[in-house]
PDB file of N, CA and C in Angstrom:
ATOM      1  N   UNK A   1     449.550 111.594 148.596  1.00  0.00           N
ATOM      2  CA  UNK A   1     450.571 112.267 148.129  1.00  0.00           C
ATOM      3  C   UNK A   1     450.337 112.630 146.648  1.00  0.00           C
ATOM      4  N   UNK A   2     449.469 112.151 146.232  1.00  0.00           N
ATOM      5  CA  UNK A   2     448.651 112.753 144.662  1.00  0.00           C
ATOM      6  C   UNK A   2     448.798 114.448 144.769  1.00  0.00           C
ATOM      7  N   UNK A   3     448.468 114.887 145.532  1.00  0.00           N
ATOM      8  CA  UNK A   3     446.893 115.990 145.935  1.00  0.00           C
ATOM      9  C   UNK A   3     448.215 117.001 146.113  1.00  0.00           C
ATOM     10  N   UNK A   4     448.816 116.380 147.341  1.00  0.00           N
ATOM     11  CA  UNK A   4     449.914 117.381 147.191  1.00  0.00           C
ATOM     12  C   UNK A   4     451.079 117.613 146.216  1.00  0.00           C
ATOM     13  N   UNK A   5     451.402 116.174 145.542  1.00  0.00           N
ATOM     14  CA  UNK A   5     452.387 116.975 144.103  1.00  0.00           C
ATOM     15  C   UNK A   5     451.179 117.674 142.995  1.00  0.00           C
ATOM     16  N   UNK A   6     450.618 117.409 142.418  1.00  0.00           N
ATOM     17  CA  UNK A   6     449.694 118.228 141.977  1.00  0.00           C
ATOM     18  C   UNK A   6     449.799 119.689 142.786  1.00  0.00           C
ATOM     19  N   UNK A   7     449.112 120.379 143.925  1.00  0.00           N
ATOM     20  CA  UNK A   7     449.655 121.184 144.246  1.00  0.00           C
ATOM     21  C   UNK A   7     451.288 121.853 144.056  1.00  0.00           C
ATOM     22  N   UNK A   8     451.972 121.083 143.727  1.00  0.00           N
ATOM     23  CA  UNK A   8     453.763 121.304 144.008  1.00  0.00           C
ATOM     24  C   UNK A   8     453.662 121.398 142.192  1.00  0.00           C
ATOM     25  N   UNK A   9     453.131 120.817 142.168  1.00  0.00           N
ATOM     26  CA  UNK A   9     453.292 121.707 140.452  1.00  0.00           C
ATOM     27  C   UNK A   9     452.197 122.947 140.310  1.00  0.00           C
ATOM     28  N   UNK A  10     451.103 123.106 140.884  1.00  0.00           N
ATOM     29  CA  UNK A  10     451.088 124.041 140.381  1.00  0.00           C
ATOM     30  C   UNK A  10     451.730 125.221 140.769  1.00  0.00           C
ATOM     31  N   UNK A  11     451.999 124.962 142.620  1.00  0.00           N
ATOM     32  CA  UNK A  11     452.579 126.160 142.681  1.00  0.00           C
ATOM     33  C   UNK A  11     453.800 126.808 141.584  1.00  0.00           C
ATOM     34  N   UNK A  12     454.388 125.537 140.948  1.00  0.00           N
ATOM     35  CA  UNK A  12     455.543 126.043 139.854  1.00  0.00           C
ATOM     36  C   UNK A  12     455.834 126.247 139.378  1.00  0.00           C
ATOM     37  N   UNK A  13     453.839 126.509 138.095  1.00  0.00           N
ATOM     38  CA  UNK A  13     453.587 126.817 137.086  1.00  0.00           C
ATOM     39  C   UNK A  13     453.126 128.052 137.375  1.00  0.00           C
ATOM     40  N   UNK A  14     452.611 128.346 138.200  1.00  0.00           N
ATOM     41  CA  UNK A  14     451.985 129.421 138.693  1.00  0.00           C
ATOM     42  C   UNK A  14     453.192 130.940 138.849  1.00  0.00           C
ATOM     43  N   UNK A  15     454.388 130.143 139.678  1.00  0.00           N
ATOM     44  CA  UNK A  15     455.525 131.045 139.965  1.00  0.00           C
ATOM     45  C   UNK A  15     455.991 131.575 138.461  1.00  0.00           C
ATOM     46  N   UNK A  16     456.629 130.068 137.782  1.00  0.00           N
ATOM     47  CA  UNK A  16     456.898 130.514 136.094  1.00  0.00           C
ATOM     48  C   UNK A  16     456.201 132.020 135.191  1.00  0.00           C
ATOM     49  N   UNK A  17     454.885 131.259 135.294  1.00  0.00           N
ATOM     50  CA  UNK A  17     454.039 132.137 134.624  1.00  0.00           C
ATOM     51  C   UNK A  17     454.277 134.041 135.503  1.00  0.00           C
ATOM     52  N   UNK A  18     454.172 133.758 136.484  1.00  0.00           N
ATOM     53  CA  UNK A  18     453.861 135.042 137.310  1.00  0.00           C
ATOM     54  C   UNK A  18     455.795 135.336 137.041  1.00  0.00           C
ATOM     55  N   UNK A  19     456.495 135.118 136.841  1.00  0.00           N
ATOM     56  CA  UNK A  19     457.800 135.447 137.255  1.00  0.00           C
ATOM     57  C   UNK A  19     458.156 135.796 135.081  1.00  0.00           C
ATOM     58  N   UNK A  20     457.791 134.835 134.475  1.00  0.00           N
ATOM     59  CA  UNK A  20     457.852 135.309 133.194  1.00  0.00           C
ATOM     60  C   UNK A  20     456.599 135.915 131.933  1.00  0.00           C
ATOM     61  N   UNK A  21     455.643 136.475 133.216  1.00  0.00           N
ATOM     62  CA  UNK A  21     454.480 136.834 132.194  1.00  0.00           C
ATOM     63  C   UNK A  21     454.585 137.558 130.738  1.00  0.00           C
ATOM     64  N   UNK A  22     455.599 138.727 130.994  1.00  0.00           N
ATOM     65  CA  UNK A  22     456.048 139.659 129.515  1.00  0.00           C
ATOM     66  C   UNK A  22     456.057 138.505 128.216  1.00  0.00           C
ATOM     67  N   UNK A  23     457.147 137.726 128.677  1.00  0.00           N
ATOM     68  CA  UNK A  23     457.930 136.256 127.568  1.00  0.00           C
ATOM     69  C   UNK A  23     456.797 135.583 127.332  1.00  0.00           C
ATOM     70  N   UNK A  24     455.934 134.863 128.211  1.00  0.00           N
ATOM     71  CA  UNK A  24     454.454 134.501 127.700  1.00  0.00           C
ATOM     72  C   UNK A  24     453.507 134.993 126.430  1.00  0.00           C
ATOM     73  N   UNK A  25     453.833 136.641 127.430  1.00  0.00           N
ATOM     74  CA  UNK A  25     452.708 137.382 126.494  1.00  0.00           C
ATOM     75  C   UNK A  25     453.500 137.535 124.994  1.00  0.00           C
ATOM     76  N   UNK A  26     454.229 136.934 125.491  1.00  0.00           N
ATOM     77  CA  UNK A  26     455.147 138.091 123.144  1.00  0.00           C
ATOM     78  C   UNK A  26     455.001 136.341 122.810  1.00  0.00           C
ATOM     79  N   UNK A  27     455.333 135.086 123.275  1.00  0.00           N
ATOM     80  CA  UNK A  27     455.730 134.554 122.535  1.00  0.00           C
ATOM     81  C   UNK A  27     454.165 133.559 122.201  1.00  0.00           C
ATOM     82  N   UNK A  28     452.689 133.522 123.122  1.00  0.00           N
ATOM     83  CA  UNK A  28     451.630 134.216 122.879  1.00  0.00           C
ATOM     84  C   UNK A  28     451.349 135.124 121.389  1.00  0.00           C
ATOM     85  N   UNK A  29     451.334 135.818 121.680  1.00  0.00           N
ATOM     86  CA  UNK A  29     451.189 137.342 120.832  1.00  0.00           C
ATOM     87  C   UNK A  29     452.132 136.662 118.929  1.00  0.00           C
ATOM     88  N   UNK A  30     453.103 136.670 119.149  1.00  0.00           N
ATOM     89  CA  UNK A  30     453.981 135.767 117.902  1.00  0.00           C
ATOM     90  C   UNK A  30     452.995 134.513 117.644  1.00  0.00           C
ATOM     91  N   UNK A  31     452.566 133.874 118.195  1.00  0.00           N
ATOM     92  CA  UNK A  31     451.825 133.292 118.040  1.00  0.00           C
ATOM     93  C   UNK A  31     453.135 131.819 117.197  1.00  0.00           C
ATOM     94  N   UNK A  32     453.917 132.024 118.211  1.00  0.00           N
ATOM     95  CA  UNK A  32     454.742 130.742 117.918  1.00  0.00           C
ATOM     96  C   UNK A  32     454.665 129.326 118.623  1.00  0.00           C
ATOM     97  N   UNK A  33     452.876 129.606 119.582  1.00  0.00           N
ATOM     98  CA  UNK A  33     452.280 127.997 120.162  1.00  0.00           C
ATOM     99  C   UNK A  33     453.198 128.089 120.963  1.00  0.00           C
ATOM    100  N   UNK A  34     452.944 126.973 121.948  1.00  0.00           N
ATOM    101  CA  UNK A  34     452.833 126.091 123.038  1.00  0.00           C
ATOM    102  C   UNK A  34     453.925 125.518 123.053  1.00  0.00           C
ATOM    103  N   UNK A  35     454.787 124.966 123.649  1.00  0.00           N
ATOM    104  CA  UNK A  35     455.470 123.633 124.106  1.00  0.00           C
ATOM    105  C   UNK A  35     455.066 123.158 123.894  1.00  0.00           C
ATOM    106  N   UNK A  36     455.697 122.174 122.983  1.00  0.00           N
ATOM    107  CA  UNK A  36     454.904 120.765 122.474  1.00  0.00           C
ATOM    108  C   UNK A  36     454.730 119.866 123.958  1.00  0.00           C
ATOM    109  N   UNK A  37     454.739 119.732 125.331  1.00  0.00           N
ATOM    110  CA  UNK A  37     454.861 119.443 126.413  1.00  0.00           C
ATOM    111  C   UNK A  37     453.780 120.165 127.080  1.00  0.00           C
ATOM    112  N   UNK A  38     453.810 121.772 127.510  1.00  0.00           N
ATOM    113  CA  UNK A  38     452.605 122.353 127.400  1.00  0.00           C
ATOM    114  C   UNK A  38     451.349 121.899 126.756  1.00  0.00           C
ATOM    115  N   UNK A  39     451.271 121.668 125.538  1.00  0.00           N
ATOM    116  CA  UNK A  39     450.292 121.514 124.891  1.00  0.00           C
ATOM    117  C   UNK A  39     449.848 119.885 125.144  1.00  0.00           C
ATOM    118  N   UNK A  40     450.716 119.411 125.354  1.00  0.00           N
ATOM    119  CA  UNK A  40     449.698 118.395 125.779  1.00  0.00           C
ATOM    120  C   UNK A  40     449.248 117.620 126.829  1.00  0.00           C
ATOM    121  N   UNK A  41     449.782 118.186 127.912  1.00  0.00           N
ATOM    122  CA  UNK A  41     449.154 118.699 129.133  1.00  0.00           C
ATOM    123  C   UNK A  41     448.359 119.410 128.813  1.00  0.00           C
ATOM    124  N   UNK A  42     447.817 120.256 128.567  1.00  0.00           N
ATOM    125  CA  UNK A  42     446.178 120.770 128.806  1.00  0.00           C
ATOM    126  C   UNK A  42     445.659 120.602 127.089  1.00  0.00           C
ATOM    127  N   UNK A  43     445.601 119.696 126.566  1.00  0.00           N
ATOM    128  CA  UNK A  43     445.509 119.222 125.078  1.00  0.00           C
ATOM    129  C   UNK A  43     443.387 118.430 125.716  1.00  0.00           C
ATOM    130  N   UNK A  44     443.220 118.235 126.976  1.00  0.00           N
ATOM    131  CA  UNK A  44     441.569 117.762 126.876  1.00  0.00           C
ATOM    132  C   UNK A  44     440.987 118.923 127.089  1.00  0.00           C
ATOM    133  N   UNK A  45     441.862 120.045 127.983  1.00  0.00           N
ATOM    134  CA  UNK A  45     440.848 121.098 128.315  1.00  0.00           C
ATOM    135  C   UNK A  45     440.654 122.390 126.718  1.00  0.00           C
ATOM    136  N   UNK A  46     441.722 122.099 126.250  1.00  0.00           N
ATOM    137  CA  UNK A  46     441.856 122.756 124.627  1.00  0.00           C
ATOM    138  C   UNK A  46     440.493 122.000 123.721  1.00  0.00           C
ATOM    139  N   UNK A  47     440.959 120.674 124.039  1.00  0.00           N
ATOM    140  CA  UNK A  47     439.969 120.561 123.282  1.00  0.00           C
ATOM    141  C   UNK A  47     438.261 120.671 123.244  1.00  0.00           C
ATOM    142  N   UNK A  48     438.133 120.424 124.977  1.00  0.00           N
ATOM    143  CA  UNK A  48     436.734 120.711 124.841  1.00  0.00           C
ATOM    144  C   UNK A  48     436.394 122.789 124.844  1.00  0.00           C
ATOM    145  N   UNK A  49     436.994 123.196 124.989  1.00  0.00           N
ATOM    146  CA  UNK A  49     437.039 124.735 124.987  1.00  0.00           C
ATOM    147  C   UNK A  49     436.717 125.126 123.879  1.00  0.00           C
ATOM    148  N   UNK A  50     437.460 124.274 123.022  1.00  0.00           N
ATOM    149  CA  UNK A  50     437.333 124.531 120.931  1.00  0.00           C
ATOM    150  C   UNK A  50     435.456 124.177 120.975  1.00  0.00           C
ATOM    151  N   UNK A  51     435.509 122.948 121.155  1.00  0.00           N
ATOM    152  CA  UNK A  51     434.165 122.310 121.133  1.00  0.00           C
ATOM    153  C   UNK A  51     432.785 123.354 121.539  1.00  0.00           C
ATOM    154  N   UNK A  52     433.211 122.892 122.576  1.00  0.00           N
ATOM    155  CA  UNK A  52     432.658 123.911 123.327  1.00  0.00           C
ATOM    156  C   UNK A  52     431.647 125.798 122.316  1.00  0.00           C
ATOM    157  N   UNK A  53     432.764 126.534 122.813  1.00  0.00           N
ATOM    158  CA  UNK A  53     433.329 127.219 121.333  1.00  0.00           C
ATOM    159  C   UNK A  53     432.475 127.235 120.495  1.00  0.00           C
ATOM    160  N   UNK A  54     432.621 126.132 119.182  1.00  0.00           N
ATOM    161  CA  UNK A  54     432.434 125.729 118.367  1.00  0.00           C
ATOM    162  C   UNK A  54     430.306 125.796 117.946  1.00  0.00           C
ATOM    163  N   UNK A  55     429.991 125.084 119.357  1.00  0.00           N
ATOM    164  CA  UNK A  55     429.132 125.188 119.940  1.00  0.00           C
ATOM    165  C   UNK A  55     428.090 126.194 119.981  1.00  0.00           C
ATOM    166  N   UNK A  56     428.804 127.466 120.926  1.00  0.00           N
ATOM    167  CA  UNK A  56     428.225 128.724 121.325  1.00  0.00           C
ATOM    168  C   UNK A  56     428.194 129.286 119.590  1.00  0.00           C
ATOM    169  N   UNK A  57     428.947 129.569 118.700  1.00  0.00           N
ATOM    170  CA  UNK A  57     429.061 129.869 117.893  1.00  0.00           C
ATOM    171  C   UNK A  57     427.280 129.378 116.319  1.00  0.00           C
ATOM    172  N   UNK A  58     428.246 128.236 116.914  1.00  0.00           N
ATOM    173  CA  UNK A  58     426.184 127.296 116.047  1.00  0.00           C
ATOM    174  C   UNK A  58     425.499 128.033 116.781  1.00  0.00           C
ATOM    175  N   UNK A  59     424.779 128.174 118.074  1.00  0.00           N
ATOM    176  CA  UNK A  59     423.431 129.369 118.427  1.00  0.00           C
ATOM    177  C   UNK A  59     423.897 130.233 117.907  1.00  0.00           C
ATOM    178  N   UNK A  60     424.692 131.025 118.397  1.00  0.00           N
ATOM    179  CA  UNK A  60     424.612 132.264 117.798  1.00  0.00           C
ATOM    180  C   UNK A  60     424.100 132.202 116.505  1.00  0.00           C
ATOM    181  N   UNK A  61     424.748 131.778 115.536  1.00  0.00           N
ATOM    182  CA  UNK A  61     424.583 131.792 113.813  1.00  0.00           C
ATOM    183  C   UNK A  61     422.972 131.665 113.677  1.00  0.00           C
ATOM    184  N   UNK A  62     422.900 130.024 114.970  1.00  0.00           N
ATOM    185  CA  UNK A  62     421.179 130.004 114.582  1.00  0.00           C
ATOM    186  C   UNK A  62     420.720 131.462 114.837  1.00  0.00           C
ATOM    187  N   UNK A  63     420.433 131.456 115.639  1.00  0.00           N
ATOM    188  CA  UNK A  63     419.369 132.892 116.292  1.00  0.00           C
ATOM    189  C   UNK A  63     419.563 133.759 115.560  1.00  0.00           C
ATOM    190  N   UNK A  64     420.964 134.531 115.190  1.00  0.00           N
ATOM    191  CA  UNK A  64     421.558 135.206 114.368  1.00  0.00           C
ATOM    192  C   UNK A  64     420.129 135.241 113.296  1.00  0.00           C
ATOM    193  N   UNK A  65     420.338 133.736 112.359  1.00  0.00           N
ATOM    194  CA  UNK A  65     419.487 133.652 110.952  1.00  0.00           C
ATOM    195  C   UNK A  65     418.462 133.503 111.404  1.00  0.00           C
ATOM    196  N   UNK A  66     418.223 133.312 112.319  1.00  0.00           N
ATOM    197  CA  UNK A  66     416.020 133.089 112.136  1.00  0.00           C
ATOM    198  C   UNK A  66     415.717 134.560 112.385  1.00  0.00           C
ATOM    199  N   UNK A  67     416.300 135.339 113.281  1.00  0.00           N
ATOM    200  CA  UNK A  67     416.054 136.682 113.430  1.00  0.00           C
ATOM    201  C   UNK A  67     415.885 137.574 112.345  1.00  0.00           C
ATOM    202  N   UNK A  68     417.659 136.953 111.638  1.00  0.00           N
ATOM    203  CA  UNK A  68     417.480 137.792 109.696  1.00  0.00           C
ATOM    204  C   UNK A  68     416.630 137.078 109.471  1.00  0.00           C
ATOM    205  N   UNK A  69     415.699 135.962 109.270  1.00  0.00           N
ATOM    206  CA  UNK A  69     414.798 135.184 108.573  1.00  0.00           C
ATOM    207  C   UNK A  69     413.436 136.217 109.036  1.00  0.00           C
ATOM    208  N   UNK A  70     413.138 136.377 110.065  1.00  0.00           N
ATOM    209  CA  UNK A  70     411.939 136.829 110.719  1.00  0.00           C
ATOM    210  C   UNK A  70     411.756 138.300 110.085  1.00  0.00           C
ATOM    211  N   UNK A  71     413.136 139.304 110.125  1.00  0.00           N
ATOM    212  CA  UNK A  71     413.196 140.152 109.729  1.00  0.00           C
ATOM    213  C   UNK A  71     412.617 140.775 108.116  1.00  0.00           C
ATOM    214  N   UNK A  72     413.062 139.614 107.254  1.00  0.00           N
ATOM    215  CA  UNK A  72     412.542 139.597 105.856  1.00  0.00           C
ATOM    216  C   UNK A  72     411.385 138.998 106.096  1.00  0.00           C
ATOM    217  N   UNK A  73     410.833 138.282 106.533  1.00  0.00           N
ATOM    218  CA  UNK A  73     409.976 138.392 106.180  1.00  0.00           C
ATOM    219  C   UNK A  73     408.826 138.979 106.284  1.00  0.00           C
ATOM    220  N   UNK A  74     408.742 140.094 107.442  1.00  0.00           N
ATOM    221  CA  UNK A  74     408.078 141.250 108.100  1.00  0.00           C
ATOM    222  C   UNK A  74     408.394 142.585 107.320  1.00  0.00           C
ATOM    223  N   UNK A  75     409.522 142.650 106.340  1.00  0.00           N
ATOM    224  CA  UNK A  75     409.796 143.560 105.461  1.00  0.00           C
ATOM    225  C   UNK A  75     408.733 142.683 104.415  1.00  0.00           C
ATOM    226  N   UNK A  76     408.755 141.623 103.706  1.00  0.00           N
ATOM    227  CA  UNK A  76     408.435 141.491 102.749  1.00  0.00           C
ATOM    228  C   UNK A  76     406.828 141.672 103.021  1.00  0.00           C
ATOM    229  N   UNK A  77     406.273 141.149 103.570  1.00  0.00           N
ATOM    230  CA  UNK A  77     404.884 141.517 104.718  1.00  0.00           C
ATOM    231  C   UNK A  77     404.353 143.360 104.708  1.00  0.00           C
ATOM    232  N   UNK A  78     405.675 144.172 104.688  1.00  0.00           N
ATOM    233  CA  UNK A  78     404.918 144.275 104.823  1.00  0.00           C
ATOM    234  C   UNK A  78     405.091 146.128 102.914  1.00  0.00           C
ATOM    235  N   UNK A  79     405.210 145.325 102.665  1.00  0.00           N
ATOM    236  CA  UNK A  79     405.366 145.735 101.398  1.00  0.00           C
ATOM    237  C   UNK A  79     406.601 146.450 100.466  1.00  0.00           C
ATOM    238  N   UNK A  80     407.663 145.481 101.575  1.00  0.00           N
ATOM    239  CA  UNK A  80     409.053 146.781 101.074  1.00  0.00           C
ATOM    240  C   UNK A  80     409.195 146.318  99.684  1.00  0.00           C
ATOM    241  N   UNK A  81     409.792 146.815  98.525  1.00  0.00           N
ATOM    242  CA  UNK A  81     410.133 146.694  97.575  1.00  0.00           C
ATOM    243  C   UNK A  81     411.162 146.010  97.288  1.00  0.00           C
ATOM    244  N   UNK A  82     410.790 145.334  95.358  1.00  0.00           N
ATOM    245  CA  UNK A  82     411.906 144.297  95.511  1.00  0.00           C
ATOM    246  C   UNK A  82     413.631 144.806  95.606  1.00  0.00           C
ATOM    247  N   UNK A  83     413.602 145.446  95.373  1.00  0.00           N
ATOM    248  CA  UNK A  83     415.085 146.633  95.132  1.00  0.00           C
ATOM    249  C   UNK A  83     415.413 146.905  96.483  1.00  0.00           C
ATOM    250  N   UNK A  84     414.690 146.993  97.278  1.00  0.00           N
ATOM    251  CA  UNK A  84     415.036 147.241  99.010  1.00  0.00           C
ATOM    252  C   UNK A  84     415.266 145.734  99.008  1.00  0.00           C
ATOM    253  N   UNK A  85     414.894 145.082  99.291  1.00  0.00           N
ATOM    254  CA  UNK A  85     415.048 143.691 100.047  1.00  0.00           C
ATOM    255  C   UNK A  85     415.897 143.153  99.147  1.00  0.00           C
ATOM    256  N   UNK A  86     416.135 143.411  98.636  1.00  0.00           N
ATOM    257  CA  UNK A  86     417.593 142.643  97.783  1.00  0.00           C
ATOM    258  C   UNK A  86     418.834 143.341  98.121  1.00  0.00           C
ATOM    259  N   UNK A  87     418.819 144.486  98.543  1.00  0.00           N
ATOM    260  CA  UNK A  87     419.660 145.810  99.438  1.00  0.00           C
ATOM    261  C   UNK A  87     420.075 145.398 100.418  1.00  0.00           C
ATOM    262  N   UNK A  88     418.850 144.889 101.529  1.00  0.00           N
ATOM    263  CA  UNK A  88     419.080 144.402 102.760  1.00  0.00           C
ATOM    264  C   UNK A  88     419.688 142.852 102.969  1.00  0.00           C
ATOM    265  N   UNK A  89     418.956 142.187 102.482  1.00  0.00           N
ATOM    266  CA  UNK A  89     418.849 140.659 102.393  1.00  0.00           C
ATOM    267  C   UNK A  89     419.946 140.186 101.800  1.00  0.00           C
ATOM    268  N   UNK A  90     420.498 138.871 101.674  1.00  0.00           N
ATOM    269  CA  UNK A  90     420.711 137.799 100.570  1.00  0.00           C
ATOM    270  C   UNK A  90     419.972 136.947 100.293  1.00  0.00           C
ATOM    271  N   UNK A  91     420.139 136.867  98.592  1.00  0.00           N
ATOM    272  CA  UNK A  91     419.952 135.753  98.230  1.00  0.00           C
ATOM    273  C   UNK A  91     419.129 134.825  98.427  1.00  0.00           C
ATOM    274  N   UNK A  92     419.326 134.101  99.595  1.00  0.00           N
ATOM    275  CA  UNK A  92     419.027 132.848 100.357  1.00  0.00           C
ATOM    276  C   UNK A  92     418.186 133.110 101.504  1.00  0.00           C
ATOM    277  N   UNK A  93     418.435 134.253 102.029  1.00  0.00           N
ATOM    278  CA  UNK A  93     417.310 134.521 103.580  1.00  0.00           C
ATOM    279  C   UNK A  93     416.321 134.767 102.684  1.00  0.00           C
ATOM    280  N   UNK A  94     416.011 136.235 101.626  1.00  0.00           N
ATOM    281  CA  UNK A  94     415.075 136.525 100.777  1.00  0.00           C
ATOM    282  C   UNK A  94     414.028 135.325 100.375  1.00  0.00           C
ATOM    283  N   UNK A  95     415.119 133.972  99.474  1.00  0.00           N
ATOM    284  CA  UNK A  95     414.538 132.637  99.292  1.00  0.00           C
ATOM    285  C   UNK A  95     413.979 132.227 100.240  1.00  0.00           C
ATOM    286  N   UNK A  96     414.196 132.330 101.005  1.00  0.00           N
ATOM    287  CA  UNK A  96     413.714 130.657 102.536  1.00  0.00           C
ATOM    288  C   UNK A  96     412.118 131.822 103.247  1.00  0.00           C
ATOM    289  N   UNK A  97     412.616 133.602 103.409  1.00  0.00           N
ATOM    290  CA  UNK A  97     411.656 134.255 103.599  1.00  0.00           C
ATOM    291  C   UNK A  97     410.420 134.421 102.621  1.00  0.00           C
ATOM    292  N   UNK A  98     410.334 134.079 101.345  1.00  0.00           N
ATOM    293  CA  UNK A  98     409.309 134.446 100.457  1.00  0.00           C
ATOM    294  C   UNK A  98     408.764 132.903 100.403  1.00  0.00           C
ATOM    295  N   UNK A  99     409.202 132.255 100.716  1.00  0.00           N
ATOM    296  CA  UNK A  99     408.786 130.309 100.515  1.00  0.00           C
ATOM    297  C   UNK A  99     407.867 130.634 102.271  1.00  0.00           C
ATOM    298  N   UNK A 100     407.897 131.060 102.563  1.00  0.00           N
ATOM    299  CA  UNK A 100     407.770 130.845 104.190  1.00  0.00           C
ATOM    300  C   UNK A 100     406.230 132.113 104.242  1.00  0.00           C
ATOM    301  N   UNK A 101     406.735 133.043 103.617  1.00  0.00           N
ATOM    302  CA  UNK A 101     405.705 133.515 103.867  1.00  0.00           C
ATOM    303  C   UNK A 101     405.514 135.202 104.090  1.00  0.00           C
TER     304      UNK A 101
END
């Protein structure tokens, strides 16, 4: 019975979205937000996606930061002038790169 109800609800939502796609798109673009009922229905999914997005962002940030630090170390070892280093890297990256070597 549950699966039948779920399928009916899904069918109704799909029909509603297809019939009102332009309206839904306009509402989303105008940042009027979801209605409270839809937000409540989707809360767990939205929370999981937000958390996963944060995790991915942290992973990308770490990777980019490590690559930048590695590049700074190579430039220091390669003899890039202090003036050029300051143009290319922020002070925190240079401080870390110099401490590593």
